[in-house]
Structures are given as structure tokens and as C-alpha cells.
Amino acid sequence: MLALIMIKVIPGKEDQVIDQTREAVGGNALKVDEKPFIFEVTGPYDVIACMKMETMDEFRGTLMKIRKIDGVMDTITSIVVK
């Protein structure tokens, strides 16, 4: 299962949230040019993380870790269906 998690961050906490999201996602992050697909972006959300999970329980556990990160205001998740 592939999922995109869009994260809204308290201004000034972007770097902290990115670092802790990398820790939360761990080896499940998809990679772009050998780097985890976790980027600061423009638009209504500030950070996007793309991850691959084997089970819904694994996904839910990782999402809960991300939501608990200091500086995370909101998340929205899209699961890739095709």
C-alpha cells in the first residue's frame, strides 16, 4: 500500500517536523534520488511524505506517530488505489 501524507505545520517548525517524520516513517519512505520522499512544499500543506506499508495496522501506527510530532497542526492522507 502506498500513501501520501500531507502535513500542515506550525510556522518555524518545518525542519523539526521533517526530521521527526523521517524517523517515524523510517525505512518505509519511498526514495527519490536515494533520499526519503519527505519534502517541504508550498500550498495549503507544508510537508508531504510518501510511504509504503505492508498492512493497514503498520500504516495507522506510523500515521499516529506523525500526528503526535510537536509542530504538526493537521494531516490529510491519500492512499494510492491504482
Foldseek 3Di string as FASTA:
>chain_A
DKKKKFWAFDPPCLVVLQVQLCVLQPPFFDDDPNHGQWDQDDDPGGIMTMGDDDDPVSVVSSVVSSCPRPGTDDMDMDDDDD
